[in-house]
Protein backbone atom coordinates (compact mmCIF):
# COMPACT_ATOMS: atom_id res chain seq x y z
CA UNK A 1 79.74 139.66 90.39
CA UNK A 2 83.39 139.28 91.36
CA UNK A 3 85.91 136.82 89.95
CA UNK A 4 87.84 134.91 92.62
CA UNK A 5 91.24 133.66 91.54
CA UNK A 6 92.58 130.18 92.19
CA UNK A 7 95.17 127.96 90.54
CA UNK A 8 93.40 124.74 89.56
CA UNK A 9 94.30 122.76 86.51
CA UNK A 10 91.84 121.34 84.03
CA UNK A 11 93.03 118.32 82.07
CA UNK A 12 91.88 118.32 78.50
CA UNK A 13 91.41 122.10 78.55
CA UNK A 14 93.83 124.51 76.95
CA UNK A 15 94.15 126.92 79.85
CA UNK A 16 94.53 126.88 83.59
CA UNK A 17 91.25 127.72 85.31
CA UNK A 18 92.21 130.73 87.34
CA UNK A 19 88.74 131.64 88.58
CA UNK A 20 85.18 130.64 89.18
CA UNK A 21 82.09 132.79 89.25
CA UNK A 22 81.25 133.34 92.91
CA UNK A 23 77.57 133.73 92.15
CA UNK A 24 77.46 130.43 90.26
CA UNK A 25 79.26 128.67 93.10
CA UNK A 26 76.60 129.73 95.62
CA UNK A 27 73.61 128.49 93.63
CA UNK A 28 71.35 126.22 95.70
CA UNK A 29 69.23 123.19 94.97
CA UNK A 30 65.61 123.76 95.90
CA UNK A 31 66.51 126.30 98.55
CA UNK A 32 69.01 124.01 100.32
CA UNK A 33 72.35 125.63 101.04
CA UNK A 34 75.56 123.58 100.86
CA UNK A 35 75.73 123.67 104.65
CA UNK A 36 72.26 122.12 104.88
CA UNK A 37 73.17 119.46 102.32
CA UNK A 38 76.30 118.58 104.29
CA UNK A 39 74.25 118.23 107.46
CA UNK A 40 71.35 116.33 105.90
CA UNK A 41 73.66 113.79 104.22
CA UNK A 42 76.34 113.61 106.86
CA UNK A 43 76.42 109.79 106.73
CA UNK A 44 76.88 109.63 102.96
CA UNK A 45 80.42 108.30 102.21
CA UNK A 46 81.14 111.03 99.66
CA UNK A 47 79.91 113.75 102.00
CA UNK A 48 82.04 112.39 104.84
CA UNK A 49 85.08 112.43 102.56
CA UNK A 50 84.25 115.97 101.39
CA UNK A 51 83.93 117.14 104.98
CA UNK A 52 87.38 115.73 105.72
CA UNK A 53 88.73 117.47 102.64
CA UNK A 54 87.17 120.79 103.73
CA UNK A 55 88.78 120.38 107.15
CA UNK A 56 92.15 119.82 105.50
CA UNK A 57 91.72 122.95 103.36
CA UNK A 58 91.37 124.91 106.59
CA UNK A 59 94.41 123.25 108.14
CA UNK A 60 96.59 123.93 105.11
CA UNK A 61 95.43 127.54 105.01
CA UNK A 62 96.16 127.93 108.73
CA UNK A 63 99.72 126.61 108.38
CA UNK A 64 100.42 128.91 105.45
CA UNK A 65 98.76 131.81 107.24
CA UNK A 66 101.00 131.31 110.28
CA UNK A 67 104.08 131.44 108.07
CA UNK A 68 102.83 134.61 106.37
CA UNK A 69 102.15 136.20 109.76
CA UNK A 70 105.63 135.37 110.98
CA UNK A 71 107.11 137.05 107.93
CA UNK A 72 104.78 140.05 108.40
CA UNK A 73 105.87 140.56 111.97
CA UNK A 74 109.52 140.34 111.01
CA UNK A 75 109.04 142.79 108.15
CA UNK A 76 107.22 145.28 110.40
CA UNK A 77 109.88 144.94 113.08
CA UNK A 78 112.54 145.93 110.56
CA UNK A 79 110.43 148.82 109.26
CA UNK A 80 109.94 150.22 112.75
CA UNK A 81 113.62 149.76 113.51
CA UNK A 82 114.61 151.34 110.20
CA UNK A 83 116.67 148.28 109.43
CA UNK A 84 117.58 146.84 106.06
CA UNK A 85 116.52 143.27 105.49
CA UNK A 86 119.20 140.97 106.82
CA UNK A 87 120.14 137.59 105.45
CA UNK A 88 118.06 135.03 107.35
CA UNK A 89 120.51 132.29 106.49
CA UNK A 90 117.85 130.29 104.68
CA UNK A 91 118.92 129.31 101.19
CA UNK A 92 116.54 129.16 98.27
CA UNK A 93 116.80 125.38 98.47
CA UNK A 94 115.73 125.44 102.11
CA UNK A 95 112.66 127.57 101.43
CA UNK A 96 111.70 125.27 98.55
CA UNK A 97 112.10 122.28 100.86
CA UNK A 98 109.80 123.87 103.44
CA UNK A 99 107.04 124.38 100.87
CA UNK A 100 107.56 120.87 99.52
CA UNK A 101 107.37 119.42 103.04
CA UNK A 102 104.05 121.16 103.59
CA UNK A 103 102.78 119.72 100.32
CA UNK A 104 103.95 116.21 101.23
CA UNK A 105 102.28 116.46 104.63
CA UNK A 106 98.82 116.78 103.07
CA UNK A 107 99.23 115.26 99.59
CA UNK A 108 97.98 111.76 100.41
CA UNK A 109 94.80 113.13 102.00
CA UNK A 110 93.89 115.26 98.99
CA UNK A 111 94.76 112.44 96.61
CA UNK A 112 92.13 110.11 98.06
CA UNK A 113 89.30 109.61 95.53
CA UNK A 114 85.79 110.45 96.68
CA UNK A 115 83.68 107.30 97.17
CA UNK A 116 80.36 106.62 95.50
CA UNK A 117 77.48 108.75 96.70
CA UNK A 118 73.72 108.36 97.10
CA UNK A 119 73.12 112.04 96.42
CA UNK A 120 71.43 113.36 93.33
CA UNK A 121 73.77 114.70 90.61
CA UNK A 122 72.55 118.26 91.20
CA UNK A 123 73.35 117.98 94.90
CA UNK A 124 76.82 116.63 94.18
CA UNK A 125 77.44 119.48 91.76
CA UNK A 126 76.40 122.01 94.38
CA UNK A 127 78.71 120.48 96.99
CA UNK A 128 81.57 120.40 94.48
CA UNK A 129 81.06 124.09 93.79
CA UNK A 130 80.93 124.76 97.51
CA UNK A 131 84.28 123.03 97.91
CA UNK A 132 85.71 125.04 95.03
CA UNK A 133 84.45 128.24 96.60
CA UNK A 134 86.09 127.38 99.92
CA UNK A 135 89.40 126.74 98.17
CA UNK A 136 89.04 129.93 96.13
CA UNK A 137 88.29 132.07 99.17
CA UNK A 138 91.12 130.55 101.18
CA UNK A 139 93.60 131.01 98.35
CA UNK A 140 92.52 134.58 97.71
CA UNK A 141 92.86 135.38 101.39
CA UNK A 142 96.38 133.96 101.51
CA UNK A 143 97.37 135.89 98.40
CA UNK A 144 96.02 139.12 99.89
CA UNK A 145 97.87 138.64 103.18
CA UNK A 146 101.10 137.66 101.43
CA UNK A 147 100.82 140.68 99.15
CA UNK A 148 100.74 142.98 102.19
CA UNK A 149 104.03 141.47 103.40
CA UNK A 150 105.69 141.68 99.98
CA UNK A 151 105.02 145.43 99.90
CA UNK A 152 107.44 145.85 102.80
CA UNK A 153 109.76 142.98 101.88
CA UNK A 154 109.82 142.27 98.12
CA UNK A 155 112.65 139.75 98.52
CA UNK A 156 110.31 137.38 100.35
CA UNK A 157 108.02 137.16 97.28
CA UNK A 158 109.34 133.86 95.84
CA UNK A 159 109.12 132.08 99.20
CA UNK A 160 105.58 133.29 99.91
CA UNK A 161 104.59 132.56 96.32
CA UNK A 162 105.58 128.93 96.71
CA UNK A 163 103.80 128.62 100.05
CA UNK A 164 100.59 130.20 98.75
CA UNK A 165 100.59 127.84 95.79
CA UNK A 166 100.58 124.69 97.93
CA UNK A 167 96.85 124.85 98.65
CA UNK A 168 95.59 125.21 95.06
CA UNK A 169 98.09 122.58 93.89
CA UNK A 170 96.73 120.15 96.47
CA UNK A 171 93.18 120.93 95.31
CA UNK A 172 93.96 120.79 91.59
CA UNK A 173 91.70 117.82 90.95
CA UNK A 174 88.65 120.09 90.96
CA UNK A 175 87.20 121.15 87.60
CA UNK A 176 86.56 124.87 87.18
CA UNK A 177 85.59 126.40 83.88
CA UNK A 178 88.35 128.44 82.18
CA UNK A 179 87.95 132.17 82.73
CA UNK A 180 90.19 134.25 80.44
CA UNK A 181 89.35 137.49 82.26
CA UNK A 182 90.64 136.25 85.60
CA UNK A 183 93.94 137.58 86.88
CA UNK A 184 96.54 136.89 89.52
CA UNK A 185 97.52 139.40 92.20
CA UNK A 186 100.19 141.83 90.97
CA UNK A 187 102.89 140.65 93.39
CA UNK A 188 102.56 137.08 92.10
CA UNK A 189 102.98 138.32 88.54
CA UNK A 190 106.48 139.67 89.22
CA UNK A 191 108.85 137.68 87.05
CA UNK A 192 111.08 136.52 89.92
CA UNK A 193 108.06 135.25 91.86
CA UNK A 194 106.48 133.67 88.79
CA UNK A 195 109.67 131.82 87.96
CA UNK A 196 109.99 130.53 91.52
CA UNK A 197 106.42 129.28 91.66
CA UNK A 198 106.61 127.89 88.11
CA UNK A 199 109.68 125.81 89.00
CA UNK A 200 108.07 124.73 92.25
CA UNK A 201 104.99 123.51 90.40
CA UNK A 202 107.21 121.60 87.96
CA UNK A 203 109.04 120.02 90.88
CA UNK A 204 105.72 118.82 92.29
CA UNK A 205 104.84 117.40 88.85
CA UNK A 206 102.08 119.92 88.15
CA UNK A 207 103.14 121.15 84.69
CA UNK A 208 99.84 122.77 83.74
CA UNK A 209 99.95 124.96 86.81
CA UNK A 210 103.56 125.79 85.96
CA UNK A 211 102.50 126.70 82.43
CA UNK A 212 99.90 129.12 83.76
CA UNK A 213 102.54 130.87 85.87
CA UNK A 214 105.33 130.98 83.32
CA UNK A 215 106.14 134.52 82.10
CA UNK A 216 106.91 132.90 78.75
CA UNK A 217 103.42 131.44 78.43
CA UNK A 218 100.95 134.26 78.94
CA UNK A 219 98.93 133.23 75.89
CA UNK A 220 95.85 131.04 76.19
CA UNK A 221 96.63 129.58 72.77
CA UNK A 222 96.62 125.79 72.79
CA UNK A 223 99.72 125.52 70.64
CA UNK A 224 101.62 127.86 72.95
CA UNK A 225 100.71 125.64 75.90
CA UNK A 226 101.80 122.49 74.06
CA UNK A 227 105.07 124.16 73.08
CA UNK A 228 105.65 125.08 76.72
CA UNK A 229 105.01 121.52 77.92
CA UNK A 230 107.32 120.08 75.27
CA UNK A 231 110.08 122.56 76.10
CA UNK A 232 109.75 122.01 79.83
CA UNK A 233 109.80 118.24 79.40
CA UNK A 234 112.92 118.37 77.23
CA UNK A 235 114.64 120.78 79.61
CA UNK A 236 113.89 118.55 82.59
CA UNK A 237 115.10 115.51 80.66
CA UNK A 238 118.35 116.75 79.15
CA UNK A 239 119.48 119.71 81.25
CA UNK A 240 118.32 118.75 84.73
CA UNK A 241 117.79 114.96 84.56
CA UNK A 242 114.62 115.26 86.64
CA UNK A 243 112.86 112.37 85.03
CA UNK A 244 109.63 112.06 87.10
CA UNK A 245 108.96 115.74 86.43
CA UNK A 246 109.72 115.31 82.73
CA UNK A 247 107.31 112.37 82.56
CA UNK A 248 104.60 114.57 84.10
CA UNK A 249 105.19 117.22 81.42
CA UNK A 250 104.97 114.77 78.53
CA UNK A 251 101.88 113.06 79.96
CA UNK A 252 100.16 116.41 80.37
CA UNK A 253 101.15 117.27 76.81
CA UNK A 254 99.62 114.03 75.53
CA UNK A 255 96.43 114.65 77.49
CA UNK A 256 96.01 118.23 76.30
CA UNK A 257 97.00 117.49 72.69
CA UNK A 258 94.62 114.53 72.55
CA UNK A 259 91.73 116.68 73.75
CA UNK A 260 92.60 119.36 71.20
CA UNK A 261 93.04 116.88 68.32
CA UNK A 262 96.70 117.78 67.80
CA UNK A 263 97.99 114.44 66.53
CA UNK A 264 101.57 115.47 65.83
CA UNK A 265 101.91 117.06 69.24
CA UNK A 266 100.44 113.95 70.84
CA UNK A 267 103.01 111.82 69.05
CA UNK A 268 105.75 114.23 70.15
CA UNK A 269 104.65 113.71 73.74
CA UNK A 270 105.00 109.94 73.32
CA UNK A 271 108.45 110.38 71.80
CA UNK A 272 109.38 112.53 74.79
CA UNK A 273 108.34 109.77 77.18
CA UNK A 274 110.45 107.30 75.21
CA UNK A 275 113.49 109.55 75.60
CA UNK A 276 113.00 109.54 79.37
CA UNK A 277 112.53 105.77 79.48
CA UNK A 278 115.72 105.35 77.47
CA UNK A 279 117.66 107.29 80.09
CA UNK A 280 116.00 105.23 82.81
CA UNK A 281 116.90 102.02 80.95
CA UNK A 282 113.26 100.96 80.72
CA UNK A 283 112.89 99.35 77.26
CA UNK A 284 109.58 97.69 78.09
CA UNK A 285 107.97 101.01 79.05
CA UNK A 286 109.42 102.62 75.91
CA UNK A 287 107.99 99.87 73.68
CA UNK A 288 104.60 100.00 75.42
CA UNK A 289 104.44 103.79 75.06
CA UNK A 290 105.10 103.58 71.33
CA UNK A 291 102.60 100.74 71.00
CA UNK A 292 99.84 102.91 72.44
CA UNK A 293 100.73 105.76 70.10
CA UNK A 294 100.76 103.48 67.05
CA UNK A 295 97.37 102.03 67.93
CA UNK A 296 95.78 105.42 68.60
CA UNK A 297 97.16 107.37 65.64
CA UNK A 298 97.59 105.11 62.60
CA UNK A 299 97.47 108.09 60.21
CA UNK A 300 100.10 110.22 61.95
CA UNK A 301 102.85 111.49 59.67
CA UNK A 302 105.55 110.10 61.96
CA UNK A 303 103.79 106.75 62.48
CA UNK A 304 106.40 104.86 60.38
CA UNK A 305 109.36 106.18 62.36
CA UNK A 306 107.53 105.34 65.60
CA UNK A 307 106.95 101.80 64.31
CA UNK A 308 110.66 101.29 63.61
CA UNK A 309 111.58 102.78 66.98
CA UNK A 310 109.20 100.34 68.68
CA UNK A 311 110.93 97.42 66.93
CA UNK A 312 114.23 98.58 68.36
CA UNK A 313 112.84 98.88 71.86
CA UNK A 314 111.17 95.47 71.65
CA UNK A 315 114.57 94.11 70.68
CA UNK A 316 116.25 95.83 73.64
CA UNK A 317 113.53 94.35 75.86
CA UNK A 318 114.49 90.87 74.55
CA UNK A 319 111.04 90.43 73.02
CA UNK A 320 112.47 88.90 69.86
CA UNK A 321 109.36 87.00 68.78
CA UNK A 322 107.37 90.24 68.93
CA UNK A 323 110.03 91.93 66.79
CA UNK A 324 109.72 89.23 64.14
CA UNK A 325 105.91 89.32 64.12
CA UNK A 326 105.59 93.10 63.97
CA UNK A 327 108.36 93.52 61.41
CA UNK A 328 106.70 90.92 59.18
CA UNK A 329 103.41 92.83 59.38
CA UNK A 330 105.18 95.89 57.95
CA UNK A 331 106.69 94.25 54.84
CA UNK A 332 103.70 95.09 52.64
CA UNK A 333 102.42 98.11 54.58
CA UNK A 334 102.55 101.12 52.20
CA UNK A 335 103.22 103.44 55.13
CA UNK A 336 106.48 101.58 55.77
CA UNK A 337 107.91 101.70 52.23
CA UNK A 338 110.70 104.05 53.31
CA UNK A 339 111.58 101.85 56.29
CA UNK A 340 111.38 98.40 54.71
CA UNK A 341 115.17 97.89 55.02
CA UNK A 342 114.99 98.54 58.77
CA UNK A 343 112.10 96.11 59.14
CA UNK A 344 113.96 93.34 57.31
CA UNK A 345 117.08 94.05 59.34
CA UNK A 346 115.25 93.90 62.69
CA UNK A 347 113.50 90.67 61.70
CA UNK A 348 116.86 89.20 60.63
CA UNK A 349 118.69 90.05 63.83
CA UNK A 350 115.75 88.93 66.00
CA UNK A 351 115.63 85.56 64.22
CA UNK A 352 119.32 85.11 64.95
CA UNK A 353 118.65 85.72 68.65
CA UNK A 354 115.82 83.19 68.47
CA UNK A 355 118.28 80.69 66.98
CA UNK A 356 116.38 80.37 63.71
CA UNK A 357 119.30 80.18 61.28
CA UNK A 358 117.28 79.32 58.19
CA UNK A 359 114.82 82.19 58.67
CA UNK A 360 117.72 84.54 59.37
CA UNK A 361 119.57 83.35 56.23
CA UNK A 362 116.53 83.94 54.02
CA UNK A 363 116.03 87.44 55.40
CA UNK A 364 119.72 88.23 54.94
CA UNK A 365 119.63 87.13 51.31
CA UNK A 366 116.44 89.08 50.70
CA UNK A 367 117.86 92.22 52.25
CA UNK A 368 121.14 92.11 50.29
CA UNK A 369 119.31 91.39 47.05
CA UNK A 370 116.74 94.17 47.35
CA UNK A 371 118.82 96.77 49.25
CA UNK A 372 122.47 95.97 48.41
CA UNK A 373 123.74 99.51 49.05
CA UNK A 374 121.82 100.27 52.23
CA UNK A 375 124.19 101.14 55.12
CA UNK A 376 122.75 98.33 57.25
CA UNK A 377 124.02 95.90 54.63
CA UNK A 378 127.51 96.29 56.15
CA UNK A 379 126.23 94.67 59.35
CA UNK A 380 124.87 91.69 57.47
CA UNK A 381 128.10 91.17 55.50
CA UNK A 382 130.15 91.46 58.70
CA UNK A 383 128.04 88.79 60.41
CA UNK A 384 128.44 86.55 57.35
CA UNK A 385 132.20 87.09 57.64
CA UNK A 386 132.21 86.20 61.33
CA UNK A 387 130.17 83.05 60.69
CA UNK A 388 132.65 82.07 57.94
CA UNK A 389 135.54 82.73 60.34
CA UNK A 390 133.98 80.39 62.89
CA UNK A 391 133.81 77.72 60.17
CA UNK A 392 137.42 78.29 59.10
CA UNK A 393 136.40 79.57 55.66
CA UNK A 394 139.04 82.31 55.43
CA UNK A 395 138.48 82.92 51.75
CA UNK A 396 134.85 83.90 52.36
CA UNK A 397 135.91 86.01 55.32
CA UNK A 398 138.30 88.00 53.16
CA UNK A 399 135.72 88.33 50.40
CA UNK A 400 133.06 89.73 52.73
CA UNK A 401 135.47 92.14 54.41
CA UNK A 402 136.70 93.49 51.09
CA UNK A 403 133.10 93.97 49.96
CA UNK A 404 132.39 96.06 53.07
CA UNK A 405 135.43 98.22 52.37
CA UNK A 406 134.41 98.83 48.78
CA UNK A 407 130.64 99.27 49.14
CA UNK A 408 130.18 100.81 52.59
CA UNK A 409 132.98 103.34 52.84
CA UNK A 410 131.25 105.34 55.60
CA UNK A 411 130.38 102.35 57.76
CA UNK A 412 131.34 102.56 61.45
CA UNK A 413 132.38 98.91 61.11
CA UNK A 414 135.44 99.77 58.99
CA UNK A 415 137.90 99.87 61.95
CA UNK A 416 136.80 96.36 62.96
CA UNK A 417 137.00 95.22 59.35
CA UNK A 418 140.61 96.42 59.00
CA UNK A 419 141.58 94.98 62.35
CA UNK A 420 140.22 91.59 61.33
CA UNK A 421 141.95 91.80 57.96
CA UNK A 422 145.26 92.45 59.71
CA UNK A 423 144.76 89.47 61.99
CA UNK A 424 144.02 87.28 58.95
CA UNK A 425 147.16 88.54 57.21
CA UNK A 426 149.27 87.75 60.26
CA UNK A 427 147.77 84.26 60.60
CA UNK A 428 148.48 83.49 56.93
CA UNK A 429 152.00 84.97 56.72
CA UNK A 430 153.07 84.20 60.25
CA UNK A 431 154.29 87.79 60.68
CA UNK A 432 153.77 89.35 64.11
């Protein structure tokens, strides 16, 4: 019973499903073949949609097949002429764009959800397996034909690899069981081809497919997969600034880690999303992302740091009342003991923005009494100095500035403190 390879990703699983059992896919319900089911239920909305999808599978395979044939003819022409492969003038970027254009041409059709059906569950399962088998057979056929061309023209491998991957990427919503014994064709396992297809899958925001193709991720270990997704997301964020693709990596990481009960990795995925939203200047999305993580994983080791980070993003989103309410809820939370100064500080500054001077004053006094040497104390003393300056109380201004110099000698506010002290000296002495 042969194993037919196909690249289809399975959310919540720890591996890419590279194959399905052909015998299992051809099982029938009470002697009715898939073809008979499709005919008997032709008016069923789900069957109509599946028929359209099957037609599109054939169209995609035909387009890719035509491209493979064109390359085959060119390769054979050069072989017969004894010629060395010439530069076609097409850059790597152009060949990537061609594959991406093909994907875009059919993406909306494959993305349409199947409507509700009147069929029995067993019949739907059989039709789903039939669809999977069609995709598997089409993909295997394309791989075989492309492999024949690569034998004569190895340099064309990356381009054909990307083209052959379009069909299974389009069909990735199907659920096939993981099959560790399945394998890819040898030409697709060449590192140069793998890298090209891996990067193409990342570009199309299909990180789990990319993970299955990466030469650095041959293991089926769940932690290896999560490490790959985290690394790819960070690389796309910081090195390449491809933020939609980075978001796809971190979301896949969250999905996989959640299914595998890897809490710390799940939290790391949320932190990754926040980094992207920071670069996109989306404080609301950052705060919402952290809110979901806090609600889902109250016992996570990095829950306290996530809580403080959410306060900061709520503040940047101008949600000052929410900052005050959430910070107040943390005052007596034992998980937040290490971060109590930050909570008081955020509540203080949010109350100032809400124009609640008495509440802000009480929080300031509480902070400086309980945490007099905390680095954030310099900010509070500086604000007190500025308020005193506005009131013309120069003695208090000088007192607060001197306190900052003495107590917070590593504060980034020191240049401003010394500049203000010099201005005060000039105003008192009249010296320029």
